């Protein structure tokens, strides 16, 4: 699986008009990408009491980087670039080669959800291989059992055009709502996960999306 996360601001200060264009036109174009498997869009939320550095974010997944490259050669690209240049700015892009741990098979277009995107390094005092093994066997084993978790995707960050790789891994967790996410992390499994995060995760950057499913 190939994962892309982008974030951006709007060109103008008329947020209402920009939102209408984005959701009504830009997203409609992006939905037409051939081979697009999952697509989330959302307004970025405060994290740890801090305001986000961008207004919106979007997550797209393809079966592979080859499928993503093919999509970027489709006839969707010229009008999408035109709209991007007219309406979006401050774009950042992060890509990863990953896998689905918990599939969101019951999702439907325009379904509301809460999405957390985390980028991080692993504690490697015992070596890189041991860190990977522990993360994949223990950490993801706890996280996948969180109550109310709808979708869980993990991946290794990779260099991509327009991207800036500063960390090793990415994880995406999707819940029905912010309240469901908070309840999951307040549960016994959530507390266990937080303990393991303290032992396993380093240099984390977390983003939160008040999101909806597009595909």
C-alpha atoms as a PDB file:
ATOM      1  CA  UNK A   1       0.000   0.000   0.000  1.00  0.00           C
ATOM      2  CA  UNK A   2       1.134   3.553  -0.781  1.00  0.00           C
ATOM      3  CA  UNK A   3      -0.039   6.324   1.562  1.00  0.00           C
ATOM      4  CA  UNK A   4       0.023  10.066   0.946  1.00  0.00           C
ATOM      5  CA  UNK A   5      -0.850  12.710   3.520  1.00  0.00           C
ATOM      6  CA  UNK A   6      -1.062  16.348   2.404  1.00  0.00           C
ATOM      7  CA  UNK A   7      -1.862  19.519   4.326  1.00  0.00           C
ATOM      8  CA  UNK A   8      -2.421  23.052   3.054  1.00  0.00           C
ATOM      9  CA  UNK A   9      -3.917  26.510   3.480  1.00  0.00           C
ATOM     10  CA  UNK A  10      -6.292  28.346   1.174  1.00  0.00           C
ATOM     11  CA  UNK A  11      -5.167  31.162  -1.099  1.00  0.00           C
ATOM     12  CA  UNK A  12      -7.840  33.656  -0.051  1.00  0.00           C
ATOM     13  CA  UNK A  13      -9.254  34.692   3.300  1.00  0.00           C
ATOM     14  CA  UNK A  14     -12.796  33.876   2.205  1.00  0.00           C
ATOM     15  CA  UNK A  15     -12.880  30.500   3.929  1.00  0.00           C
ATOM     16  CA  UNK A  16     -16.537  29.861   3.171  1.00  0.00           C
ATOM     17  CA  UNK A  17     -15.998  30.253  -0.570  1.00  0.00           C
ATOM     18  CA  UNK A  18     -12.761  28.274  -0.470  1.00  0.00           C
ATOM     19  CA  UNK A  19     -14.437  25.436   1.434  1.00  0.00           C
ATOM     20  CA  UNK A  20     -17.264  25.314  -1.119  1.00  0.00           C
ATOM     21  CA  UNK A  21     -14.785  25.095  -3.986  1.00  0.00           C
ATOM     22  CA  UNK A  22     -12.621  22.539  -2.222  1.00  0.00           C
ATOM     23  CA  UNK A  23     -15.410  20.163  -1.220  1.00  0.00           C
ATOM     24  CA  UNK A  24     -17.533  20.743  -4.302  1.00  0.00           C
ATOM     25  CA  UNK A  25     -14.872  20.849  -7.015  1.00  0.00           C
ATOM     26  CA  UNK A  26     -11.363  19.908  -5.868  1.00  0.00           C
ATOM     27  CA  UNK A  27     -12.417  16.795  -3.965  1.00  0.00           C
ATOM     28  CA  UNK A  28     -14.720  15.744  -6.803  1.00  0.00           C
ATOM     29  CA  UNK A  29     -11.752  15.851  -9.172  1.00  0.00           C
ATOM     30  CA  UNK A  30      -9.475  13.945  -6.793  1.00  0.00           C
ATOM     31  CA  UNK A  31     -12.077  11.204  -6.332  1.00  0.00           C
ATOM     32  CA  UNK A  32     -11.583  10.409 -10.031  1.00  0.00           C
ATOM     33  CA  UNK A  33      -7.962   9.321  -9.609  1.00  0.00           C
ATOM     34  CA  UNK A  34      -7.753   5.802 -11.058  1.00  0.00           C
ATOM     35  CA  UNK A  35      -6.716   3.222  -8.491  1.00  0.00           C
ATOM     36  CA  UNK A  36      -7.526   5.405  -5.471  1.00  0.00           C
ATOM     37  CA  UNK A  37      -8.500   3.036  -2.632  1.00  0.00           C
ATOM     38  CA  UNK A  38      -9.164   5.322   0.331  1.00  0.00           C
ATOM     39  CA  UNK A  39      -9.557   9.072   0.598  1.00  0.00           C
ATOM     40  CA  UNK A  40     -10.116  11.139   3.739  1.00  0.00           C
ATOM     41  CA  UNK A  41     -10.344  14.926   3.935  1.00  0.00           C
ATOM     42  CA  UNK A  42     -10.694  17.098   7.007  1.00  0.00           C
ATOM     43  CA  UNK A  43     -10.079  20.285   8.908  1.00  0.00           C
ATOM     44  CA  UNK A  44      -7.002  20.111  11.085  1.00  0.00           C
ATOM     45  CA  UNK A  45      -7.681  20.392  14.798  1.00  0.00           C
ATOM     46  CA  UNK A  46      -5.769  21.601  17.823  1.00  0.00           C
ATOM     47  CA  UNK A  47      -3.286  19.065  19.186  1.00  0.00           C
ATOM     48  CA  UNK A  48      -1.956  19.413  22.705  1.00  0.00           C
ATOM     49  CA  UNK A  49      -3.611  22.835  22.925  1.00  0.00           C
ATOM     50  CA  UNK A  50      -1.692  24.120  19.898  1.00  0.00           C
ATOM     51  CA  UNK A  51      -3.304  25.489  16.764  1.00  0.00           C
ATOM     52  CA  UNK A  52      -2.492  23.539  13.577  1.00  0.00           C
ATOM     53  CA  UNK A  53      -0.048  25.021  11.088  1.00  0.00           C
ATOM     54  CA  UNK A  54      -2.414  24.342   8.170  1.00  0.00           C
ATOM     55  CA  UNK A  55      -6.188  24.563   7.654  1.00  0.00           C
ATOM     56  CA  UNK A  56      -6.868  21.240   5.967  1.00  0.00           C
ATOM     57  CA  UNK A  57      -5.420  17.819   5.411  1.00  0.00           C
ATOM     58  CA  UNK A  58      -6.145  14.836   3.180  1.00  0.00           C
ATOM     59  CA  UNK A  59      -5.110  11.184   3.152  1.00  0.00           C
ATOM     60  CA  UNK A  60      -5.040   9.032   0.013  1.00  0.00           C
ATOM     61  CA  UNK A  61      -4.061   5.391  -0.342  1.00  0.00           C
ATOM     62  CA  UNK A  62      -3.254   3.257  -3.388  1.00  0.00           C
ATOM     63  CA  UNK A  63      -2.340  -0.405  -3.748  1.00  0.00           C
ATOM     64  CA  UNK A  64       1.269   0.563  -4.524  1.00  0.00           C
ATOM     65  CA  UNK A  65       3.567   3.427  -5.456  1.00  0.00           C
ATOM     66  CA  UNK A  66       3.258   2.243  -9.072  1.00  0.00           C
ATOM     67  CA  UNK A  67      -0.512   2.715  -8.909  1.00  0.00           C
ATOM     68  CA  UNK A  68      -0.055   6.184  -7.412  1.00  0.00           C
ATOM     69  CA  UNK A  69       2.392   7.141 -10.167  1.00  0.00           C
ATOM     70  CA  UNK A  70      -0.055   5.928 -12.808  1.00  0.00           C
ATOM     71  CA  UNK A  71      -2.818   8.035 -11.246  1.00  0.00           C
ATOM     72  CA  UNK A  72      -0.595  11.098 -11.575  1.00  0.00           C
ATOM     73  CA  UNK A  73      -0.448  10.512 -15.339  1.00  0.00           C
ATOM     74  CA  UNK A  74      -4.239  10.463 -15.697  1.00  0.00           C
ATOM     75  CA  UNK A  75      -6.455  13.158 -17.201  1.00  0.00           C
ATOM     76  CA  UNK A  76      -7.476  14.224 -13.685  1.00  0.00           C
ATOM     77  CA  UNK A  77      -4.123  15.892 -13.094  1.00  0.00           C
ATOM     78  CA  UNK A  78      -4.273  19.032 -15.334  1.00  0.00           C
ATOM     79  CA  UNK A  79      -7.572  20.399 -13.923  1.00  0.00           C
ATOM     80  CA  UNK A  80      -6.521  19.427 -10.413  1.00  0.00           C
ATOM     81  CA  UNK A  81      -3.229  21.309 -10.768  1.00  0.00           C
ATOM     82  CA  UNK A  82      -5.115  24.331 -12.110  1.00  0.00           C
ATOM     83  CA  UNK A  83      -7.460  24.316  -9.139  1.00  0.00           C
ATOM     84  CA  UNK A  84      -4.595  23.775  -6.700  1.00  0.00           C
ATOM     85  CA  UNK A  85      -2.685  26.754  -8.081  1.00  0.00           C
ATOM     86  CA  UNK A  86      -5.802  28.938  -7.910  1.00  0.00           C
ATOM     87  CA  UNK A  87      -6.993  27.971  -4.431  1.00  0.00           C
ATOM     88  CA  UNK A  88      -4.368  26.182  -2.314  1.00  0.00           C
ATOM     89  CA  UNK A  89      -1.011  27.219  -0.849  1.00  0.00           C
ATOM     90  CA  UNK A  90       1.586  26.108   1.702  1.00  0.00           C
ATOM     91  CA  UNK A  91       1.244  22.489   0.621  1.00  0.00           C
ATOM     92  CA  UNK A  92       3.181  19.811   2.466  1.00  0.00           C
ATOM     93  CA  UNK A  93       3.266  16.160   1.427  1.00  0.00           C
ATOM     94  CA  UNK A  94       4.293  13.018   3.308  1.00  0.00           C
ATOM     95  CA  UNK A  95       4.307   9.552   1.732  1.00  0.00           C
ATOM     96  CA  UNK A  96       4.765   6.075   3.132  1.00  0.00           C
ATOM     97  CA  UNK A  97       4.869   2.452   2.056  1.00  0.00           C
ATOM     98  CA  UNK A  98       2.476   0.737   4.395  1.00  0.00           C
ATOM     99  CA  UNK A  99      -0.141  -1.825   5.244  1.00  0.00           C
ATOM    100  CA  UNK A 100      -3.658  -1.937   6.620  1.00  0.00           C
ATOM    101  CA  UNK A 101      -3.824  -3.416  10.111  1.00  0.00           C
ATOM    102  CA  UNK A 102      -7.557  -2.795  10.654  1.00  0.00           C
ATOM    103  CA  UNK A 103      -9.592  -2.300   7.448  1.00  0.00           C
ATOM    104  CA  UNK A 104     -12.520   0.116   7.355  1.00  0.00           C
ATOM    105  CA  UNK A 105     -14.783  -2.077   5.261  1.00  0.00           C
ATOM    106  CA  UNK A 106     -18.026  -0.461   6.404  1.00  0.00           C
ATOM    107  CA  UNK A 107     -17.079   3.099   5.463  1.00  0.00           C
ATOM    108  CA  UNK A 108     -19.273   5.137   3.135  1.00  0.00           C
ATOM    109  CA  UNK A 109     -18.794   8.390   1.237  1.00  0.00           C
ATOM    110  CA  UNK A 110     -19.340  11.547   3.338  1.00  0.00           C
ATOM    111  CA  UNK A 111     -19.262   9.570   6.578  1.00  0.00           C
ATOM    112  CA  UNK A 112     -17.915  11.728   9.399  1.00  0.00           C
ATOM    113  CA  UNK A 113     -14.927  10.467  11.372  1.00  0.00           C
ATOM    114  CA  UNK A 114     -11.969  11.500  13.492  1.00  0.00           C
ATOM    115  CA  UNK A 115      -8.522  10.735  12.143  1.00  0.00           C
ATOM    116  CA  UNK A 116      -5.183  10.847  13.920  1.00  0.00           C
ATOM    117  CA  UNK A 117      -1.990  10.902  11.865  1.00  0.00           C
ATOM    118  CA  UNK A 118       1.221  10.272  13.778  1.00  0.00           C
ATOM    119  CA  UNK A 119       4.773  10.451  12.427  1.00  0.00           C
ATOM    120  CA  UNK A 120       7.513   9.192  14.701  1.00  0.00           C
ATOM    121  CA  UNK A 121      10.778   7.371  15.256  1.00  0.00           C
ATOM    122  CA  UNK A 122      11.279   4.191  17.264  1.00  0.00           C
ATOM    123  CA  UNK A 123      13.346   3.735  20.399  1.00  0.00           C
ATOM    124  CA  UNK A 124      16.451   1.959  19.103  1.00  0.00           C
ATOM    125  CA  UNK A 125      18.656   1.387  22.137  1.00  0.00           C
ATOM    126  CA  UNK A 126      18.423  -2.373  21.432  1.00  0.00           C
ATOM    127  CA  UNK A 127      19.045  -1.867  17.697  1.00  0.00           C
ATOM    128  CA  UNK A 128      16.910  -0.990  14.668  1.00  0.00           C
ATOM    129  CA  UNK A 129      15.793  -4.557  13.930  1.00  0.00           C
ATOM    130  CA  UNK A 130      14.706  -5.171  17.515  1.00  0.00           C
ATOM    131  CA  UNK A 131      12.832  -1.853  17.525  1.00  0.00           C
ATOM    132  CA  UNK A 132      10.929  -2.786  14.368  1.00  0.00           C
ATOM    133  CA  UNK A 133      10.091  -6.229  15.697  1.00  0.00           C
ATOM    134  CA  UNK A 134       8.828  -4.842  18.989  1.00  0.00           C
ATOM    135  CA  UNK A 135       6.741  -2.167  17.270  1.00  0.00           C
ATOM    136  CA  UNK A 136       5.145  -4.596  14.830  1.00  0.00           C
ATOM    137  CA  UNK A 137       4.555  -7.399  17.306  1.00  0.00           C
ATOM    138  CA  UNK A 138       3.639  -5.595  20.522  1.00  0.00           C
ATOM    139  CA  UNK A 139       2.684  -1.976  19.850  1.00  0.00           C
ATOM    140  CA  UNK A 140       0.465  -2.585  16.836  1.00  0.00           C
ATOM    141  CA  UNK A 141      -0.962  -5.641  18.603  1.00  0.00           C
ATOM    142  CA  UNK A 142      -2.261  -3.392  21.376  1.00  0.00           C
ATOM    143  CA  UNK A 143      -3.395  -0.546  19.113  1.00  0.00           C
ATOM    144  CA  UNK A 144      -5.397  -2.775  16.768  1.00  0.00           C
ATOM    145  CA  UNK A 145      -7.611  -3.840  19.713  1.00  0.00           C
ATOM    146  CA  UNK A 146      -8.554  -0.316  20.811  1.00  0.00           C
ATOM    147  CA  UNK A 147     -12.327  -0.110  21.329  1.00  0.00           C
ATOM    148  CA  UNK A 148     -14.095   1.742  18.525  1.00  0.00           C
ATOM    149  CA  UNK A 149     -11.089   1.710  16.172  1.00  0.00           C
ATOM    150  CA  UNK A 150     -12.436   1.747  12.595  1.00  0.00           C
ATOM    151  CA  UNK A 151      -9.277   1.909  10.519  1.00  0.00           C
ATOM    152  CA  UNK A 152      -5.598   1.446  11.344  1.00  0.00           C
ATOM    153  CA  UNK A 153      -2.848   1.914   8.770  1.00  0.00           C
ATOM    154  CA  UNK A 154       0.900   1.899   9.399  1.00  0.00           C
ATOM    155  CA  UNK A 155       3.838   2.590   7.126  1.00  0.00           C
ATOM    156  CA  UNK A 156       7.451   3.620   6.684  1.00  0.00           C
ATOM    157  CA  UNK A 157       7.908   7.196   5.532  1.00  0.00           C
ATOM    158  CA  UNK A 158       9.712   7.676   2.255  1.00  0.00           C
ATOM    159  CA  UNK A 159      11.083  10.556   0.226  1.00  0.00           C
ATOM    160  CA  UNK A 160       8.588  11.858  -2.326  1.00  0.00           C
ATOM    161  CA  UNK A 161       8.319  14.990  -4.525  1.00  0.00           C
ATOM    162  CA  UNK A 162       7.433  17.951  -2.322  1.00  0.00           C
ATOM    163  CA  UNK A 163       7.947  15.895   0.824  1.00  0.00           C
ATOM    164  CA  UNK A 164      10.272  16.371   3.760  1.00  0.00           C
ATOM    165  CA  UNK A 165      11.077  13.154   5.619  1.00  0.00           C
ATOM    166  CA  UNK A 166      12.174  13.880   9.185  1.00  0.00           C
ATOM    167  CA  UNK A 167      10.883  10.731  10.870  1.00  0.00           C
ATOM    168  CA  UNK A 168      10.821   7.014  10.152  1.00  0.00           C
ATOM    169  CA  UNK A 169       7.232   5.848  10.550  1.00  0.00           C
ATOM    170  CA  UNK A 170       3.619   6.887  10.090  1.00  0.00           C
ATOM    171  CA  UNK A 171       0.433   5.561  11.683  1.00  0.00           C
ATOM    172  CA  UNK A 172      -3.169   6.514  10.889  1.00  0.00           C
ATOM    173  CA  UNK A 173      -5.983   5.685  13.310  1.00  0.00           C
ATOM    174  CA  UNK A 174      -9.632   6.395  12.516  1.00  0.00           C
ATOM    175  CA  UNK A 175     -12.556   6.534  14.929  1.00  0.00           C
ATOM    176  CA  UNK A 176     -16.195   7.580  14.550  1.00  0.00           C
ATOM    177  CA  UNK A 177     -15.568  10.795  16.478  1.00  0.00           C
ATOM    178  CA  UNK A 178     -13.188  12.666  18.761  1.00  0.00           C
ATOM    179  CA  UNK A 179     -15.228  11.378  21.696  1.00  0.00           C
ATOM    180  CA  UNK A 180     -14.748   7.778  20.539  1.00  0.00           C
ATOM    181  CA  UNK A 181     -11.010   8.372  20.243  1.00  0.00           C
ATOM    182  CA  UNK A 182     -10.829   9.826  23.746  1.00  0.00           C
ATOM    183  CA  UNK A 183     -12.845   6.933  25.154  1.00  0.00           C
ATOM    184  CA  UNK A 184     -10.514   4.442  23.457  1.00  0.00           C
ATOM    185  CA  UNK A 185      -7.420   6.043  24.965  1.00  0.00           C
ATOM    186  CA  UNK A 186      -9.080   6.202  28.390  1.00  0.00           C
ATOM    187  CA  UNK A 187      -9.822   2.469  28.283  1.00  0.00           C
ATOM    188  CA  UNK A 188      -7.597  -0.205  29.818  1.00  0.00           C
ATOM    189  CA  UNK A 189      -6.133  -0.965  26.391  1.00  0.00           C
ATOM    190  CA  UNK A 190      -5.651   2.731  25.762  1.00  0.00           C
ATOM    191  CA  UNK A 191      -3.698   3.143  28.972  1.00  0.00           C
ATOM    192  CA  UNK A 192      -1.613   0.105  28.064  1.00  0.00           C
ATOM    193  CA  UNK A 193      -0.949   1.612  24.639  1.00  0.00           C
ATOM    194  CA  UNK A 194       0.140   4.910  26.166  1.00  0.00           C
ATOM    195  CA  UNK A 195       2.570   3.081  28.426  1.00  0.00           C
ATOM    196  CA  UNK A 196       3.998   1.267  25.439  1.00  0.00           C
ATOM    197  CA  UNK A 197       4.215   4.532  23.478  1.00  0.00           C
ATOM    198  CA  UNK A 198       6.413   5.961  26.229  1.00  0.00           C
ATOM    199  CA  UNK A 199       8.750   2.987  25.859  1.00  0.00           C
ATOM    200  CA  UNK A 200       8.582   2.602  22.075  1.00  0.00           C
ATOM    201  CA  UNK A 201       7.901   5.937  20.367  1.00  0.00           C
ATOM    202  CA  UNK A 202      10.282   8.868  20.020  1.00  0.00           C
ATOM    203  CA  UNK A 203      10.133  12.279  18.316  1.00  0.00           C
ATOM    204  CA  UNK A 204       6.398  12.019  17.599  1.00  0.00           C
ATOM    205  CA  UNK A 205       4.419  14.574  15.622  1.00  0.00           C
ATOM    206  CA  UNK A 206       0.649  14.132  15.820  1.00  0.00           C
ATOM    207  CA  UNK A 207      -2.040  15.715  13.670  1.00  0.00           C
ATOM    208  CA  UNK A 208      -5.787  15.425  14.124  1.00  0.00           C
ATOM    209  CA  UNK A 209      -8.424  15.709  11.438  1.00  0.00           C
ATOM    210  CA  UNK A 210     -12.118  16.425  11.870  1.00  0.00           C
ATOM    211  CA  UNK A 211     -12.609  14.327   8.782  1.00  0.00           C
ATOM    212  CA  UNK A 212     -15.008  12.696   6.394  1.00  0.00           C
ATOM    213  CA  UNK A 213     -14.691   9.709   4.113  1.00  0.00           C
ATOM    214  CA  UNK A 214     -14.538  10.547   0.409  1.00  0.00           C
ATOM    215  CA  UNK A 215     -13.830   7.004  -0.831  1.00  0.00           C
END
